[in-house]
PDB file of N, CA and C in Angstrom:
ATOM      1  N   MET A   1      -4.199 -29.113  -9.613  1.00  0.00           N
ATOM      2  CA  MET A   1      -3.432 -28.616 -10.748  1.00  0.00           C
ATOM      3  C   MET A   1      -2.912 -27.222 -10.435  1.00  0.00           C
ATOM      4  N   GLY A   2      -1.778 -26.930 -10.966  1.00  0.00           N
ATOM      5  CA  GLY A   2      -1.174 -25.634 -10.728  1.00  0.00           C
ATOM      6  C   GLY A   2      -1.713 -24.580 -11.681  1.00  0.00           C
ATOM      7  N   ASP A   3      -1.268 -23.385 -11.464  1.00  0.00           N
ATOM      8  CA  ASP A   3      -1.667 -22.285 -12.335  1.00  0.00           C
ATOM      9  C   ASP A   3      -0.766 -22.304 -13.564  1.00  0.00           C
ATOM     10  N   ASP A   4      -1.310 -22.783 -14.691  1.00  0.00           N
ATOM     11  CA  ASP A   4      -0.520 -22.947 -15.911  1.00  0.00           C
ATOM     12  C   ASP A   4      -0.516 -21.711 -16.797  1.00  0.00           C
ATOM     13  N   LYS A   5      -1.113 -20.635 -16.322  1.00  0.00           N
ATOM     14  CA  LYS A   5      -1.189 -19.434 -17.151  1.00  0.00           C
ATOM     15  C   LYS A   5       0.160 -18.727 -17.183  1.00  0.00           C
ATOM     16  N   LEU A   6       0.463 -18.185 -18.328  1.00  0.00           N
ATOM     17  CA  LEU A   6       1.674 -17.389 -18.471  1.00  0.00           C
ATOM     18  C   LEU A   6       1.402 -15.985 -17.961  1.00  0.00           C
ATOM     19  N   PRO A   7       2.404 -15.326 -17.418  1.00  0.00           N
ATOM     20  CA  PRO A   7       2.176 -13.950 -16.971  1.00  0.00           C
ATOM     21  C   PRO A   7       1.936 -13.043 -18.174  1.00  0.00           C
ATOM     22  N   GLU A   8       1.100 -12.045 -17.947  1.00  0.00           N
ATOM     23  CA  GLU A   8       0.809 -11.104 -19.031  1.00  0.00           C
ATOM     24  C   GLU A   8       2.039 -10.244 -19.309  1.00  0.00           C
ATOM     25  N   ALA A   9       2.245  -9.972 -20.576  1.00  0.00           N
ATOM     26  CA  ALA A   9       3.356  -9.105 -20.963  1.00  0.00           C
ATOM     27  C   ALA A   9       2.968  -7.664 -20.654  1.00  0.00           C
ATOM     28  N   PRO A  10       3.887  -6.907 -20.094  1.00  0.00           N
ATOM     29  CA  PRO A  10       3.551  -5.510 -19.812  1.00  0.00           C
ATOM     30  C   PRO A  10       3.364  -4.740 -21.120  1.00  0.00           C
ATOM     31  N   ALA A  11       2.309  -3.955 -21.168  1.00  0.00           N
ATOM     32  CA  ALA A  11       2.014  -3.175 -22.373  1.00  0.00           C
ATOM     33  C   ALA A  11       2.792  -1.868 -22.333  1.00  0.00           C
ATOM     34  N   ASP A  12       3.375  -1.530 -23.446  1.00  0.00           N
ATOM     35  CA  ASP A  12       4.055  -0.254 -23.577  1.00  0.00           C
ATOM     36  C   ASP A  12       3.027   0.730 -24.118  1.00  0.00           C
ATOM     37  N   GLU A  13       2.447   1.517 -23.212  1.00  0.00           N
ATOM     38  CA  GLU A  13       1.349   2.404 -23.595  1.00  0.00           C
ATOM     39  C   GLU A  13       1.770   3.473 -24.588  1.00  0.00           C
ATOM     40  N   SER A  14       3.048   3.743 -24.693  1.00  0.00           N
ATOM     41  CA  SER A  14       3.489   4.773 -25.641  1.00  0.00           C
ATOM     42  C   SER A  14       3.328   4.298 -27.084  1.00  0.00           C
ATOM     43  N   LYS A  15       3.258   2.966 -27.300  1.00  0.00           N
ATOM     44  CA  LYS A  15       3.116   2.433 -28.653  1.00  0.00           C
ATOM     45  C   LYS A  15       1.660   2.286 -29.073  1.00  0.00           C
ATOM     46  N   ILE A  16       0.730   2.448 -28.145  1.00  0.00           N
ATOM     47  CA  ILE A  16      -0.690   2.304 -28.462  1.00  0.00           C
ATOM     48  C   ILE A  16      -1.238   3.671 -28.848  1.00  0.00           C
ATOM     49  N   PRO A  17      -1.727   3.827 -30.091  1.00  0.00           N
ATOM     50  CA  PRO A  17      -2.256   5.137 -30.483  1.00  0.00           C
ATOM     51  C   PRO A  17      -3.577   5.407 -29.759  1.00  0.00           C
ATOM     52  N   PRO A  18      -3.767   6.611 -29.305  1.00  0.00           N
ATOM     53  CA  PRO A  18      -5.021   6.933 -28.617  1.00  0.00           C
ATOM     54  C   PRO A  18      -6.180   6.977 -29.614  1.00  0.00           C
ATOM     55  N   LEU A  19      -7.361   6.563 -29.154  1.00  0.00           N
ATOM     56  CA  LEU A  19      -8.534   6.599 -30.016  1.00  0.00           C
ATOM     57  C   LEU A  19      -8.978   8.032 -30.254  1.00  0.00           C
ATOM     58  N   ASN A  20      -9.031   8.794 -29.200  1.00  0.00           N
ATOM     59  CA  ASN A  20      -9.415  10.192 -29.305  1.00  0.00           C
ATOM     60  C   ASN A  20      -8.313  11.000 -28.625  1.00  0.00           C
ATOM     61  N   PRO A  21      -7.466  11.658 -29.415  1.00  0.00           N
ATOM     62  CA  PRO A  21      -6.320  12.357 -28.820  1.00  0.00           C
ATOM     63  C   PRO A  21      -6.713  13.384 -27.760  1.00  0.00           C
ATOM     64  N   GLU A  22      -7.902  13.992 -27.895  1.00  0.00           N
ATOM     65  CA  GLU A  22      -8.310  14.995 -26.919  1.00  0.00           C
ATOM     66  C   GLU A  22      -8.637  14.347 -25.571  1.00  0.00           C
ATOM     67  N   ASP A  23      -9.392  13.229 -25.612  1.00  0.00           N
ATOM     68  CA  ASP A  23      -9.765  12.532 -24.379  1.00  0.00           C
ATOM     69  C   ASP A  23      -9.876  11.037 -24.676  1.00  0.00           C
ATOM     70  N   PRO A  24      -8.862  10.252 -24.338  1.00  0.00           N
ATOM     71  CA  PRO A  24      -8.868   8.822 -24.673  1.00  0.00           C
ATOM     72  C   PRO A  24     -10.034   8.049 -24.066  1.00  0.00           C
ATOM     73  N   LEU A  25     -10.640   8.549 -23.021  1.00  0.00           N
ATOM     74  CA  LEU A  25     -11.756   7.842 -22.389  1.00  0.00           C
ATOM     75  C   LEU A  25     -13.045   7.955 -23.192  1.00  0.00           C
ATOM     76  N   LEU A  26     -13.128   8.925 -24.091  1.00  0.00           N
ATOM     77  CA  LEU A  26     -14.349   9.120 -24.878  1.00  0.00           C
ATOM     78  C   LEU A  26     -14.430   8.200 -26.087  1.00  0.00           C
ATOM     79  N   GLY A  27     -13.321   7.728 -26.598  1.00  0.00           N
ATOM     80  CA  GLY A  27     -13.348   6.875 -27.787  1.00  0.00           C
ATOM     81  C   GLY A  27     -13.357   7.701 -29.060  1.00  0.00           C
ATOM     82  N   LEU A  28     -13.901   7.140 -30.121  1.00  0.00           N
ATOM     83  CA  LEU A  28     -13.914   7.796 -31.429  1.00  0.00           C
ATOM     84  C   LEU A  28     -14.995   8.862 -31.502  1.00  0.00           C
ATOM     85  N   THR A  29     -14.718   9.877 -32.301  1.00  0.00           N
ATOM     86  CA  THR A  29     -15.739  10.889 -32.558  1.00  0.00           C
ATOM     87  C   THR A  29     -16.683  10.361 -33.633  1.00  0.00           C
ATOM     88  N   ASP A  30     -17.810  11.036 -33.813  1.00  0.00           N
ATOM     89  CA  ASP A  30     -18.774  10.618 -34.839  1.00  0.00           C
ATOM     90  C   ASP A  30     -18.153  10.666 -36.232  1.00  0.00           C
ATOM     91  N   GLU A  31     -17.323  11.675 -36.477  1.00  0.00           N
ATOM     92  CA  GLU A  31     -16.667  11.781 -37.782  1.00  0.00           C
ATOM     93  C   GLU A  31     -15.709  10.612 -38.013  1.00  0.00           C
ATOM     94  N   GLN A  32     -14.957  10.231 -36.974  1.00  0.00           N
ATOM     95  CA  GLN A  32     -14.030   9.106 -37.098  1.00  0.00           C
ATOM     96  C   GLN A  32     -14.789   7.795 -37.327  1.00  0.00           C
ATOM     97  N   ILE A  33     -15.934   7.670 -36.681  1.00  0.00           N
ATOM     98  CA  ILE A  33     -16.752   6.465 -36.865  1.00  0.00           C
ATOM     99  C   ILE A  33     -17.235   6.374 -38.305  1.00  0.00           C
ATOM    100  N   LYS A  34     -17.759   7.478 -38.837  1.00  0.00           N
ATOM    101  CA  LYS A  34     -18.250   7.483 -40.220  1.00  0.00           C
ATOM    102  C   LYS A  34     -17.113   7.198 -41.202  1.00  0.00           C
ATOM    103  N   GLU A  35     -15.952   7.785 -40.939  1.00  0.00           N
ATOM    104  CA  GLU A  35     -14.804   7.562 -41.819  1.00  0.00           C
ATOM    105  C   GLU A  35     -14.356   6.096 -41.765  1.00  0.00           C
ATOM    106  N   SER A  36     -14.290   5.532 -40.569  1.00  0.00           N
ATOM    107  CA  SER A  36     -13.889   4.125 -40.436  1.00  0.00           C
ATOM    108  C   SER A  36     -14.896   3.200 -41.099  1.00  0.00           C
ATOM    109  N   LEU A  37     -16.187   3.498 -40.952  1.00  0.00           N
ATOM    110  CA  LEU A  37     -17.215   2.674 -41.594  1.00  0.00           C
ATOM    111  C   LEU A  37     -17.107   2.737 -43.108  1.00  0.00           C
ATOM    112  N   SER A  38     -16.826   3.934 -43.639  1.00  0.00           N
ATOM    113  CA  SER A  38     -16.731   4.046 -45.098  1.00  0.00           C
ATOM    114  C   SER A  38     -15.470   3.364 -45.631  1.00  0.00           C
ATOM    115  N   VAL A  39     -14.389   3.376 -44.853  1.00  0.00           N
ATOM    116  CA  VAL A  39     -13.136   2.766 -45.303  1.00  0.00           C
ATOM    117  C   VAL A  39     -13.140   1.254 -45.090  1.00  0.00           C
ATOM    118  N   PHE A  40     -13.509   0.814 -43.881  1.00  0.00           N
ATOM    119  CA  PHE A  40     -13.377  -0.599 -43.518  1.00  0.00           C
ATOM    120  C   PHE A  40     -14.690  -1.374 -43.543  1.00  0.00           C
ATOM    121  N   GLY A  41     -15.817  -0.689 -43.524  1.00  0.00           N
ATOM    122  CA  GLY A  41     -17.104  -1.380 -43.454  1.00  0.00           C
ATOM    123  C   GLY A  41     -17.410  -1.794 -42.021  1.00  0.00           C
ATOM    124  N   LYS A  42     -18.504  -2.530 -41.862  1.00  0.00           N
ATOM    125  CA  LYS A  42     -18.896  -2.975 -40.529  1.00  0.00           C
ATOM    126  C   LYS A  42     -17.940  -4.054 -40.035  1.00  0.00           C
ATOM    127  N   ASN A  43     -17.811  -4.147 -38.738  1.00  0.00           N
ATOM    128  CA  ASN A  43     -16.934  -5.141 -38.115  1.00  0.00           C
ATOM    129  C   ASN A  43     -17.703  -6.457 -37.990  1.00  0.00           C
ATOM    130  N   GLU A  44     -17.893  -7.124 -39.135  1.00  0.00           N
ATOM    131  CA  GLU A  44     -18.646  -8.370 -39.179  1.00  0.00           C
ATOM    132  C   GLU A  44     -17.856  -9.417 -39.950  1.00  0.00           C
ATOM    133  N   ILE A  45     -18.035 -10.653 -39.544  1.00  0.00           N
ATOM    134  CA  ILE A  45     -17.445 -11.767 -40.283  1.00  0.00           C
ATOM    135  C   ILE A  45     -18.523 -12.324 -41.194  1.00  0.00           C
ATOM    136  N   VAL A  46     -18.264 -12.305 -42.480  1.00  0.00           N
ATOM    137  CA  VAL A  46     -19.225 -12.811 -43.449  1.00  0.00           C
ATOM    138  C   VAL A  46     -18.840 -14.249 -43.790  1.00  0.00           C
ATOM    139  N   ILE A  47     -19.742 -15.170 -43.483  1.00  0.00           N
ATOM    140  CA  ILE A  47     -19.498 -16.579 -43.782  1.00  0.00           C
ATOM    141  C   ILE A  47     -20.036 -16.856 -45.181  1.00  0.00           C
ATOM    142  N   PRO A  48     -19.162 -17.284 -46.093  1.00  0.00           N
ATOM    143  CA  PRO A  48     -19.638 -17.530 -47.458  1.00  0.00           C
ATOM    144  C   PRO A  48     -20.623 -18.694 -47.500  1.00  0.00           C
ATOM    145  N   GLU A  49     -21.621 -18.563 -48.338  1.00  0.00           N
ATOM    146  CA  GLU A  49     -22.650 -19.591 -48.504  1.00  0.00           C
ATOM    147  C   GLU A  49     -22.071 -20.778 -49.273  1.00  0.00           C
ATOM    148  N   THR A  50     -22.234 -21.974 -48.732  1.00  0.00           N
ATOM    149  CA  THR A  50     -21.758 -23.182 -49.404  1.00  0.00           C
ATOM    150  C   THR A  50     -22.770 -23.586 -50.465  1.00  0.00           C
ATOM    151  N   PRO A  51     -22.340 -23.751 -51.718  1.00  0.00           N
ATOM    152  CA  PRO A  51     -23.282 -24.177 -52.756  1.00  0.00           C
ATOM    153  C   PRO A  51     -23.856 -25.557 -52.436  1.00  0.00           C
ATOM    154  N   LEU A  52     -25.108 -25.779 -52.853  1.00  0.00           N
ATOM    155  CA  LEU A  52     -25.778 -27.044 -52.556  1.00  0.00           C
ATOM    156  C   LEU A  52     -25.078 -28.226 -53.212  1.00  0.00           C
ATOM    157  N   TRP A  53     -24.509 -28.028 -54.392  1.00  0.00           N
ATOM    158  CA  TRP A  53     -23.852 -29.149 -55.062  1.00  0.00           C
ATOM    159  C   TRP A  53     -22.621 -29.600 -54.284  1.00  0.00           C
ATOM    160  N   LYS A  54     -21.916 -28.646 -53.628  1.00  0.00           N
ATOM    161  CA  LYS A  54     -20.770 -29.031 -52.810  1.00  0.00           C
ATOM    162  C   LYS A  54     -21.230 -29.782 -51.565  1.00  0.00           C
ATOM    163  N   LEU A  55     -22.359 -29.344 -51.021  1.00  0.00           N
ATOM    164  CA  LEU A  55     -22.923 -30.023 -49.856  1.00  0.00           C
ATOM    165  C   LEU A  55     -23.310 -31.455 -50.208  1.00  0.00           C
ATOM    166  N   PHE A  56     -23.837 -31.659 -51.423  1.00  0.00           N
ATOM    167  CA  PHE A  56     -24.217 -33.003 -51.860  1.00  0.00           C
ATOM    168  C   PHE A  56     -22.978 -33.868 -52.111  1.00  0.00           C
ATOM    169  N   LEU A  57     -21.988 -33.312 -52.806  1.00  0.00           N
ATOM    170  CA  LEU A  57     -20.780 -34.092 -53.103  1.00  0.00           C
ATOM    171  C   LEU A  57     -19.994 -34.439 -51.839  1.00  0.00           C
ATOM    172  N   LYS A  58     -20.126 -33.599 -50.817  1.00  0.00           N
ATOM    173  CA  LYS A  58     -19.447 -33.860 -49.549  1.00  0.00           C
ATOM    174  C   LYS A  58     -19.949 -35.151 -48.901  1.00  0.00           C
ATOM    175  N   GLN A  59     -21.160 -35.553 -49.245  1.00  0.00           N
ATOM    176  CA  GLN A  59     -21.741 -36.766 -48.673  1.00  0.00           C
ATOM    177  C   GLN A  59     -21.017 -38.026 -49.139  1.00  0.00           C
ATOM    178  N   PHE A  60     -20.259 -37.940 -50.209  1.00  0.00           N
ATOM    179  CA  PHE A  60     -19.542 -39.094 -50.744  1.00  0.00           C
ATOM    180  C   PHE A  60     -18.121 -39.212 -50.186  1.00  0.00           C
ATOM    181  N   LEU A  61     -17.750 -38.344 -49.237  1.00  0.00           N
ATOM    182  CA  LEU A  61     -16.371 -38.306 -48.767  1.00  0.00           C
ATOM    183  C   LEU A  61     -16.175 -38.801 -47.341  1.00  0.00           C
ATOM    184  N   GLY A  62     -17.215 -39.259 -46.681  1.00  0.00           N
ATOM    185  CA  GLY A  62     -17.068 -39.760 -45.322  1.00  0.00           C
ATOM    186  C   GLY A  62     -16.506 -41.171 -45.299  1.00  0.00           C
ATOM    187  N   PHE A  63     -16.298 -41.686 -44.096  1.00  0.00           N
ATOM    188  CA  PHE A  63     -15.734 -43.025 -43.938  1.00  0.00           C
ATOM    189  C   PHE A  63     -16.666 -44.092 -44.514  1.00  0.00           C
ATOM    190  N   LEU A  64     -17.938 -44.049 -44.141  1.00  0.00           N
ATOM    191  CA  LEU A  64     -18.893 -45.049 -44.626  1.00  0.00           C
ATOM    192  C   LEU A  64     -19.087 -44.975 -46.143  1.00  0.00           C
ATOM    193  N   PRO A  65     -19.274 -43.793 -46.724  1.00  0.00           N
ATOM    194  CA  PRO A  65     -19.397 -43.748 -48.188  1.00  0.00           C
ATOM    195  C   PRO A  65     -18.168 -44.278 -48.921  1.00  0.00           C
ATOM    196  N   ILE A  66     -16.991 -44.037 -48.388  1.00  0.00           N
ATOM    197  CA  ILE A  66     -15.783 -44.545 -49.048  1.00  0.00           C
ATOM    198  C   ILE A  66     -15.751 -46.068 -48.986  1.00  0.00           C
ATOM    199  N   LEU A  67     -16.196 -46.639 -47.864  1.00  0.00           N
ATOM    200  CA  LEU A  67     -16.280 -48.103 -47.779  1.00  0.00           C
ATOM    201  C   LEU A  67     -17.278 -48.654 -48.796  1.00  0.00           C
ATOM    202  N   ILE A  68     -18.405 -47.969 -48.934  1.00  0.00           N
ATOM    203  CA  ILE A  68     -19.408 -48.410 -49.911  1.00  0.00           C
ATOM    204  C   ILE A  68     -18.854 -48.278 -51.329  1.00  0.00           C
ATOM    205  N   GLU A  69     -18.124 -47.204 -51.598  1.00  0.00           N
ATOM    206  CA  GLU A  69     -17.521 -47.022 -52.923  1.00  0.00           C
ATOM    207  C   GLU A  69     -16.500 -48.125 -53.212  1.00  0.00           C
ATOM    208  N   LEU A  70     -15.711 -48.501 -52.210  1.00  0.00           N
ATOM    209  CA  LEU A  70     -14.749 -49.589 -52.397  1.00  0.00           C
ATOM    210  C   LEU A  70     -15.465 -50.910 -52.671  1.00  0.00           C
ATOM    211  N   ALA A  71     -16.572 -51.141 -51.972  1.00  0.00           N
ATOM    212  CA  ALA A  71     -17.346 -52.361 -52.219  1.00  0.00           C
ATOM    213  C   ALA A  71     -17.901 -52.359 -53.637  1.00  0.00           C
ATOM    214  N   ALA A  72     -18.319 -51.193 -54.125  1.00  0.00           N
ATOM    215  CA  ALA A  72     -18.826 -51.098 -55.494  1.00  0.00           C
ATOM    216  C   ALA A  72     -17.714 -51.386 -56.504  1.00  0.00           C
ATOM    217  N   ILE A  73     -16.529 -50.888 -56.234  1.00  0.00           N
ATOM    218  CA  ILE A  73     -15.398 -51.138 -57.137  1.00  0.00           C
ATOM    219  C   ILE A  73     -15.059 -52.626 -57.170  1.00  0.00           C
ATOM    220  N   VAL A  74     -15.073 -53.258 -56.001  1.00  0.00           N
ATOM    221  CA  VAL A  74     -14.776 -54.695 -55.946  1.00  0.00           C
ATOM    222  C   VAL A  74     -15.840 -55.485 -56.694  1.00  0.00           C
ATOM    223  N   SER A  75     -17.110 -55.121 -56.506  1.00  0.00           N
ATOM    224  CA  SER A  75     -18.181 -55.872 -57.173  1.00  0.00           C
ATOM    225  C   SER A  75     -18.135 -55.702 -58.689  1.00  0.00           C
ATOM    226  N   ILE A  76     -17.753 -54.541 -59.174  1.00  0.00           N
ATOM    227  CA  ILE A  76     -17.645 -54.354 -60.621  1.00  0.00           C
ATOM    228  C   ILE A  76     -16.396 -55.068 -61.146  1.00  0.00           C
ATOM    229  N   ALA A  77     -15.358 -55.161 -60.310  1.00  0.00           N
ATOM    230  CA  ALA A  77     -14.133 -55.848 -60.737  1.00  0.00           C
ATOM    231  C   ALA A  77     -14.357 -57.347 -60.907  1.00  0.00           C
ATOM    232  N   VAL A  78     -15.243 -57.926 -60.086  1.00  0.00           N
ATOM    233  CA  VAL A  78     -15.532 -59.363 -60.209  1.00  0.00           C
ATOM    234  C   VAL A  78     -16.748 -59.611 -61.102  1.00  0.00           C
ATOM    235  N   ARG A  79     -17.189 -58.579 -61.777  1.00  0.00           N
ATOM    236  CA  ARG A  79     -18.293 -58.633 -62.743  1.00  0.00           C
ATOM    237  C   ARG A  79     -19.612 -59.101 -62.118  1.00  0.00           C
ATOM    238  N   ASP A  80     -19.858 -58.641 -60.895  1.00  0.00           N
ATOM    239  CA  ASP A  80     -21.124 -58.935 -60.225  1.00  0.00           C
ATOM    240  C   ASP A  80     -21.985 -57.668 -60.324  1.00  0.00           C
ATOM    241  N   TYR A  81     -22.681 -57.538 -61.444  1.00  0.00           N
ATOM    242  CA  TYR A  81     -23.401 -56.307 -61.750  1.00  0.00           C
ATOM    243  C   TYR A  81     -24.632 -56.111 -60.871  1.00  0.00           C
ATOM    244  N   THR A  82     -25.239 -57.185 -60.407  1.00  0.00           N
ATOM    245  CA  THR A  82     -26.399 -57.055 -59.521  1.00  0.00           C
ATOM    246  C   THR A  82     -25.971 -56.424 -58.201  1.00  0.00           C
ATOM    247  N   ASP A  83     -24.907 -56.953 -57.610  1.00  0.00           N
ATOM    248  CA  ASP A  83     -24.402 -56.370 -56.364  1.00  0.00           C
ATOM    249  C   ASP A  83     -23.935 -54.931 -56.583  1.00  0.00           C
ATOM    250  N   PHE A  84     -23.318 -54.680 -57.726  1.00  0.00           N
ATOM    251  CA  PHE A  84     -22.876 -53.318 -58.031  1.00  0.00           C
ATOM    252  C   PHE A  84     -24.057 -52.357 -58.040  1.00  0.00           C
ATOM    253  N   GLY A  85     -25.154 -52.755 -58.666  1.00  0.00           N
ATOM    254  CA  GLY A  85     -26.343 -51.901 -58.703  1.00  0.00           C
ATOM    255  C   GLY A  85     -26.919 -51.661 -57.324  1.00  0.00           C
ATOM    256  N   ILE A  86     -26.968 -52.707 -56.509  1.00  0.00           N
ATOM    257  CA  ILE A  86     -27.501 -52.566 -55.150  1.00  0.00           C
ATOM    258  C   ILE A  86     -26.594 -51.666 -54.310  1.00  0.00           C
ATOM    259  N   ILE A  87     -25.299 -51.883 -54.414  1.00  0.00           N
ATOM    260  CA  ILE A  87     -24.345 -51.070 -53.647  1.00  0.00           C
ATOM    261  C   ILE A  87     -24.391 -49.617 -54.104  1.00  0.00           C
ATOM    262  N   LEU A  88     -24.499 -49.395 -55.402  1.00  0.00           N
ATOM    263  CA  LEU A  88     -24.596 -48.032 -55.927  1.00  0.00           C
ATOM    264  C   LEU A  88     -25.871 -47.353 -55.437  1.00  0.00           C
ATOM    265  N   ALA A  89     -26.976 -48.106 -55.406  1.00  0.00           N
ATOM    266  CA  ALA A  89     -28.228 -47.553 -54.884  1.00  0.00           C
ATOM    267  C   ALA A  89     -28.073 -47.188 -53.408  1.00  0.00           C
ATOM    268  N   MET A  90     -27.413 -48.044 -52.634  1.00  0.00           N
ATOM    269  CA  MET A  90     -27.159 -47.741 -51.218  1.00  0.00           C
ATOM    270  C   MET A  90     -26.339 -46.463 -51.072  1.00  0.00           C
ATOM    271  N   LEU A  91     -25.353 -46.307 -51.922  1.00  0.00           N
ATOM    272  CA  LEU A  91     -24.491 -45.131 -51.865  1.00  0.00           C
ATOM    273  C   LEU A  91     -25.282 -43.859 -52.152  1.00  0.00           C
ATOM    274  N   VAL A  92     -26.123 -43.905 -53.182  1.00  0.00           N
ATOM    275  CA  VAL A  92     -26.912 -42.726 -53.555  1.00  0.00           C
ATOM    276  C   VAL A  92     -27.952 -42.418 -52.479  1.00  0.00           C
ATOM    277  N   ILE A  93     -28.615 -43.447 -51.950  1.00  0.00           N
ATOM    278  CA  ILE A  93     -29.609 -43.223 -50.892  1.00  0.00           C
ATOM    279  C   ILE A  93     -28.937 -42.643 -49.652  1.00  0.00           C
ATOM    280  N   ASN A  94     -27.785 -43.172 -49.283  1.00  0.00           N
ATOM    281  CA  ASN A  94     -27.045 -42.648 -48.135  1.00  0.00           C
ATOM    282  C   ASN A  94     -26.673 -41.179 -48.356  1.00  0.00           C
ATOM    283  N   ALA A  95     -26.231 -40.840 -49.557  1.00  0.00           N
ATOM    284  CA  ALA A  95     -25.855 -39.457 -49.863  1.00  0.00           C
ATOM    285  C   ALA A  95     -27.070 -38.541 -49.823  1.00  0.00           C
ATOM    286  N   CYS A  96     -28.195 -39.001 -50.355  1.00  0.00           N
ATOM    287  CA  CYS A  96     -29.408 -38.176 -50.350  1.00  0.00           C
ATOM    288  C   CYS A  96     -29.902 -37.930 -48.929  1.00  0.00           C
ATOM    289  N   LEU A  97     -29.900 -38.973 -48.101  1.00  0.00           N
ATOM    290  CA  LEU A  97     -30.335 -38.802 -46.712  1.00  0.00           C
ATOM    291  C   LEU A  97     -29.388 -37.882 -45.945  1.00  0.00           C
ATOM    292  N   GLY A  98     -28.099 -38.060 -46.129  1.00  0.00           N
ATOM    293  CA  GLY A  98     -27.130 -37.191 -45.466  1.00  0.00           C
ATOM    294  C   GLY A  98     -27.253 -35.751 -45.920  1.00  0.00           C
ATOM    295  N   PHE A  99     -27.457 -35.553 -47.218  1.00  0.00           N
ATOM    296  CA  PHE A  99     -27.637 -34.202 -47.754  1.00  0.00           C
ATOM    297  C   PHE A  99     -28.881 -33.555 -47.163  1.00  0.00           C
ATOM    298  N   HIS A 100     -29.973 -34.307 -47.114  1.00  0.00           N
ATOM    299  CA  HIS A 100     -31.226 -33.777 -46.577  1.00  0.00           C
ATOM    300  C   HIS A 100     -31.055 -33.359 -45.116  1.00  0.00           C
ATOM    301  N   GLU A 101     -30.431 -34.197 -44.312  1.00  0.00           N
ATOM    302  CA  GLU A 101     -30.233 -33.880 -42.898  1.00  0.00           C
ATOM    303  C   GLU A 101     -29.317 -32.671 -42.717  1.00  0.00           C
ATOM    304  N   GLU A 102     -28.243 -32.613 -43.470  1.00  0.00           N
ATOM    305  CA  GLU A 102     -27.319 -31.490 -43.337  1.00  0.00           C
ATOM    306  C   GLU A 102     -27.953 -30.192 -43.838  1.00  0.00           C
ATOM    307  N   TYR A 103     -28.757 -30.283 -44.886  1.00  0.00           N
ATOM    308  CA  TYR A 103     -29.442 -29.100 -45.408  1.00  0.00           C
ATOM    309  C   TYR A 103     -30.438 -28.569 -44.382  1.00  0.00           C
ATOM    310  N   LYS A 104     -31.194 -29.472 -43.747  1.00  0.00           N
ATOM    311  CA  LYS A 104     -32.143 -29.046 -42.713  1.00  0.00           C
ATOM    312  C   LYS A 104     -31.412 -28.405 -41.538  1.00  0.00           C
ATOM    313  N   ALA A 105     -30.307 -28.989 -41.129  1.00  0.00           N
ATOM    314  CA  ALA A 105     -29.537 -28.434 -40.012  1.00  0.00           C
ATOM    315  C   ALA A 105     -28.985 -27.057 -40.365  1.00  0.00           C
ATOM    316  N   LYS A 106     -28.522 -26.906 -41.596  1.00  0.00           N
ATOM    317  CA  LYS A 106     -27.980 -25.621 -42.041  1.00  0.00           C
ATOM    318  C   LYS A 106     -29.071 -24.554 -42.065  1.00  0.00           C
ATOM    319  N   LYS A 107     -30.250 -24.922 -42.544  1.00  0.00           N
ATOM    320  CA  LYS A 107     -31.355 -23.964 -42.609  1.00  0.00           C
ATOM    321  C   LYS A 107     -31.841 -23.572 -41.219  1.00  0.00           C
ATOM    322  N   SER A 108     -31.774 -24.500 -40.256  1.00  0.00           N
ATOM    323  CA  SER A 108     -32.226 -24.171 -38.907  1.00  0.00           C
ATOM    324  C   SER A 108     -31.285 -23.173 -38.236  1.00  0.00           C
ATOM    325  N   LEU A 109     -30.013 -23.151 -38.649  1.00  0.00           N
ATOM    326  CA  LEU A 109     -29.068 -22.191 -38.089  1.00  0.00           C
ATOM    327  C   LEU A 109     -29.230 -20.805 -38.696  1.00  0.00           C
ATOM    328  N   ASP A 110     -29.764 -20.738 -39.903  1.00  0.00           N
ATOM    329  CA  ASP A 110     -29.936 -19.433 -40.572  1.00  0.00           C
ATOM    330  C   ASP A 110     -31.128 -18.696 -40.081  1.00  0.00           C
TER     331      ASP A 110
END
């Protein structure tokens, strides 16, 4: 395979503001650091916590749950209430197991 990388664009150093005008190799002064921290905060990405109810409802949106939901709709349409109850139980059990596994995986990452 060939080298598919694009050449780097030349940087116009006159457009880049220096970090420390006195000596660019030193970086920011302590005062500049404190000021930047107070204005912008820490340089961190905060991942919002997903509510548990959303995690549970998400279990009903996969391919298999949608197939089970369609089967439940068909069984209720033909007035087969026994099959509807069994299919609904399968759907809820599948959602509970999926929720439990995803919750455990999420907690192990924290």
